[in-house]
Amino acid sequence: MTRDLIKYIIQIPIYVLIQVLVLNEILFLSYINPYLYIILIIVLPYKTPKWFLIIYAFLLGFCIDIFSGTLGMHSFATVLIAFCKNSIAKITIPHNIVEEGDELIMQKIGSKAFLTFTFIMTLIHLSTLFFLEHLNIEFKMLFKILISAITTTILISITQLFFFKK
C-alpha cells in the first residue's frame, strides 16, 4: 500500500501540469474544455480508505485551483466526486470482478462499466464546477457540461488505452 500511495502522490504534479499548461489552454468551439486530471480519482482502487480519497481529491483540486485561480471550485468538485465515488461504483461496476486492491481501470472492469462510471463521475464534477463558476443554470451551460463531459470521458478512455495496458 505504501508503494501505491507514493505512486498516486507522484501522479498529482504530472496531471496538474498537463491540465494547467495544456488542457486549460485548449477550448474547442468556445465550449469544450477537457478535465483529464479527474482520472486520478476515478482509477483509485474501490477499497481506498474514504479519508485518503477525500484528502487526495482535495489536494488534487487545490493544486488545480492554485494554478487556475479558481478559488476552491476544483477542490469542491473533486471532493464531491470522491465522496460519491463508492456509491456510483456500486451502481455501475460489477463487484464480482473487482478485488480489494484493484484499480478501477477499463481493462479490469470492462469498457461498458468503465465508460458509464467515468461519464457519471465526470458529469457530477463538471456540473458542480460550472455551476460554481456561473452561479446559474441555462441551456448554454447545460450544453457546455454535456459536451465537456463527453470529451473528458473520451480523453480518459484514450488515456486508459495507452497507459493502462495489460
Protein backbone atom coordinates (compact mmCIF):
# COMPACT_ATOMS: atom_id res chain seq x y z
CA MET A 1 0.00 0.00 0.00
CA THR A 2 2.87 2.39 0.75
CA ARG A 3 4.26 1.93 -2.76
CA ASP A 4 0.82 2.60 -4.26
CA LEU A 5 0.40 5.64 -2.02
CA ILE A 6 3.67 7.10 -3.31
CA LYS A 7 2.66 6.31 -6.91
CA TYR A 8 -0.63 8.19 -6.53
CA ILE A 9 1.02 11.19 -4.90
CA ILE A 10 3.71 11.38 -7.62
CA GLN A 11 0.99 11.42 -10.29
CA ILE A 12 -0.58 14.62 -8.92
CA PRO A 13 2.07 17.08 -10.23
CA ILE A 14 2.18 15.32 -13.60
CA TYR A 15 -1.57 15.54 -14.21
CA VAL A 16 -1.78 19.06 -12.72
CA LEU A 17 0.88 20.28 -15.17
CA ILE A 18 -0.85 18.58 -18.12
CA GLN A 19 -4.17 20.14 -17.08
CA VAL A 20 -2.88 23.64 -16.37
CA LEU A 21 -0.29 24.03 -19.11
CA VAL A 22 -2.00 22.16 -21.95
CA LEU A 23 -5.68 21.34 -21.45
CA ASN A 24 -6.75 24.61 -19.79
CA GLU A 25 -5.35 26.42 -22.82
CA ILE A 26 -7.50 24.38 -25.19
CA LEU A 27 -11.08 25.48 -25.67
CA PHE A 28 -12.82 23.69 -28.52
CA LEU A 29 -15.69 25.59 -30.12
CA SER A 30 -15.65 28.01 -27.13
CA TYR A 31 -17.50 25.39 -25.03
CA ILE A 32 -15.43 22.24 -24.64
CA ASN A 33 -12.69 22.08 -22.03
CA PRO A 34 -11.47 18.57 -21.13
CA TYR A 35 -10.56 17.86 -17.49
CA LEU A 36 -8.19 14.89 -17.60
CA TYR A 37 -6.94 15.27 -14.02
CA ILE A 38 -10.06 13.61 -12.54
CA ILE A 39 -8.78 10.30 -13.88
CA LEU A 40 -6.64 10.17 -10.73
CA ILE A 41 -9.76 9.93 -8.58
CA ILE A 42 -11.60 7.63 -10.97
CA VAL A 43 -8.92 4.92 -11.14
CA LEU A 44 -8.13 4.75 -7.42
CA PRO A 45 -8.95 1.28 -6.06
CA TYR A 46 -12.52 0.66 -4.96
CA LYS A 47 -11.47 -0.14 -1.39
CA THR A 48 -9.39 3.03 -0.96
CA PRO A 49 -9.98 4.35 2.56
CA LYS A 50 -12.52 7.20 2.49
CA TRP A 51 -10.22 9.54 4.44
CA PHE A 52 -7.40 9.08 1.91
CA LEU A 53 -9.77 9.52 -1.04
CA ILE A 54 -11.17 12.80 0.32
CA ILE A 55 -7.75 14.23 1.24
CA TYR A 56 -6.28 13.12 -2.09
CA ALA A 57 -9.17 14.71 -4.01
CA PHE A 58 -8.83 17.93 -2.05
CA LEU A 59 -5.08 18.07 -2.67
CA LEU A 60 -5.58 17.44 -6.38
CA GLY A 61 -8.33 20.06 -6.70
CA PHE A 62 -6.38 22.54 -4.59
CA CYS A 63 -3.34 22.24 -6.88
CA ILE A 64 -5.55 22.93 -9.92
CA ASP A 65 -7.15 25.88 -8.07
CA ILE A 66 -3.78 27.40 -7.26
CA PHE A 67 -2.63 27.36 -10.88
CA SER A 68 -6.02 28.27 -12.35
CA GLY A 69 -7.03 30.96 -9.85
CA THR A 70 -10.46 29.41 -9.30
CA LEU A 71 -10.85 29.97 -5.54
CA GLY A 72 -11.68 26.43 -4.42
CA MET A 73 -14.06 25.47 -7.21
CA HIS A 74 -11.97 22.50 -8.37
CA SER A 75 -11.33 21.46 -4.76
CA PHE A 76 -15.04 21.35 -4.04
CA ALA A 77 -15.88 19.48 -7.25
CA THR A 78 -13.13 16.88 -6.76
CA VAL A 79 -14.03 16.29 -3.11
CA LEU A 80 -17.67 15.85 -4.14
CA ILE A 81 -16.86 13.16 -6.72
CA ALA A 82 -14.52 11.47 -4.24
CA PHE A 83 -17.37 11.42 -1.74
CA CYS A 84 -19.79 9.96 -4.33
CA LYS A 85 -17.30 7.53 -5.90
CA ASN A 86 -18.16 4.37 -3.95
CA SER A 87 -21.91 4.88 -4.33
CA ILE A 88 -21.59 5.34 -8.09
CA ALA A 89 -19.20 2.37 -8.31
CA LYS A 90 -21.73 0.14 -6.53
CA ILE A 91 -24.33 1.00 -9.16
CA THR A 92 -22.17 0.84 -12.30
CA ILE A 93 -19.39 -1.70 -11.68
CA PRO A 94 -19.95 -5.46 -11.29
CA HIS A 95 -18.31 -6.24 -7.94
CA ASN A 96 -17.62 -9.89 -8.57
CA ILE A 97 -14.72 -8.87 -10.84
CA VAL A 98 -13.14 -6.23 -8.59
CA GLU A 99 -10.76 -7.30 -5.85
CA GLU A 100 -9.74 -5.14 -2.91
CA GLY A 101 -6.58 -3.58 -4.33
CA ASP A 102 -7.63 -3.38 -7.98
CA GLU A 103 -7.58 -0.03 -9.71
CA LEU A 104 -10.81 0.82 -11.50
CA ILE A 105 -9.35 0.70 -14.98
CA MET A 106 -11.03 -0.21 -18.25
CA GLN A 107 -9.08 -3.46 -18.66
CA LYS A 108 -10.20 -4.67 -15.23
CA ILE A 109 -13.87 -3.65 -15.06
CA GLY A 110 -14.75 -3.71 -18.76
CA SER A 111 -15.33 -0.90 -21.21
CA LYS A 112 -19.09 -0.55 -20.70
CA ALA A 113 -18.84 -0.30 -16.90
CA PHE A 114 -15.80 1.97 -17.12
CA LEU A 115 -17.42 4.36 -19.61
CA THR A 116 -20.64 4.53 -17.58
CA PHE A 117 -18.77 5.05 -14.30
CA THR A 118 -16.43 7.66 -15.82
CA PHE A 119 -19.23 9.55 -17.56
CA ILE A 120 -21.31 9.81 -14.37
CA MET A 121 -18.31 10.92 -12.31
CA THR A 122 -17.35 13.46 -14.98
CA LEU A 123 -20.92 14.74 -15.24
CA ILE A 124 -21.10 15.33 -11.48
CA HIS A 125 -17.69 17.01 -11.46
CA LEU A 126 -18.42 19.32 -14.38
CA SER A 127 -21.95 20.17 -13.24
CA THR A 128 -20.59 21.23 -9.87
CA LEU A 129 -17.65 23.10 -11.35
CA PHE A 130 -19.62 25.01 -13.98
CA PHE A 131 -22.45 25.80 -11.59
CA LEU A 132 -19.96 27.28 -9.10
CA GLU A 133 -18.33 29.19 -11.95
CA HIS A 134 -21.53 30.72 -13.38
CA LEU A 135 -23.95 30.50 -10.42
CA ASN A 136 -26.91 29.94 -12.72
CA ILE A 137 -28.36 27.26 -14.91
CA GLU A 138 -29.15 27.98 -18.52
CA PHE A 139 -29.24 25.98 -21.72
CA LYS A 140 -25.76 27.08 -22.84
CA MET A 141 -24.28 25.89 -19.56
CA LEU A 142 -26.08 22.53 -19.74
CA PHE A 143 -24.78 22.12 -23.30
CA LYS A 144 -21.25 23.00 -22.11
CA ILE A 145 -21.49 20.44 -19.28
CA LEU A 146 -22.71 17.68 -21.58
CA ILE A 147 -20.19 18.31 -24.37
CA SER A 148 -17.28 18.72 -21.93
CA ALA A 149 -18.31 15.53 -20.10
CA ILE A 150 -18.38 13.55 -23.34
CA THR A 151 -14.99 14.97 -24.39
CA THR A 152 -13.45 14.30 -20.97
CA THR A 153 -14.79 10.73 -20.95
CA ILE A 154 -13.32 10.12 -24.39
CA LEU A 155 -9.95 11.60 -23.34
CA ILE A 156 -9.87 9.49 -20.17
CA SER A 157 -10.74 6.38 -22.23
CA ILE A 158 -7.94 7.11 -24.70
CA THR A 159 -5.56 7.56 -21.77
CA GLN A 160 -6.70 4.17 -20.45
CA LEU A 161 -5.95 2.51 -23.77
CA PHE A 162 -2.42 3.95 -23.95
CA PHE A 163 -1.20 3.88 -20.36
CA PHE A 164 -3.04 1.05 -18.65
CA LYS A 165 -2.39 -1.86 -21.00
CA LYS A 166 -2.31 -5.41 -19.68
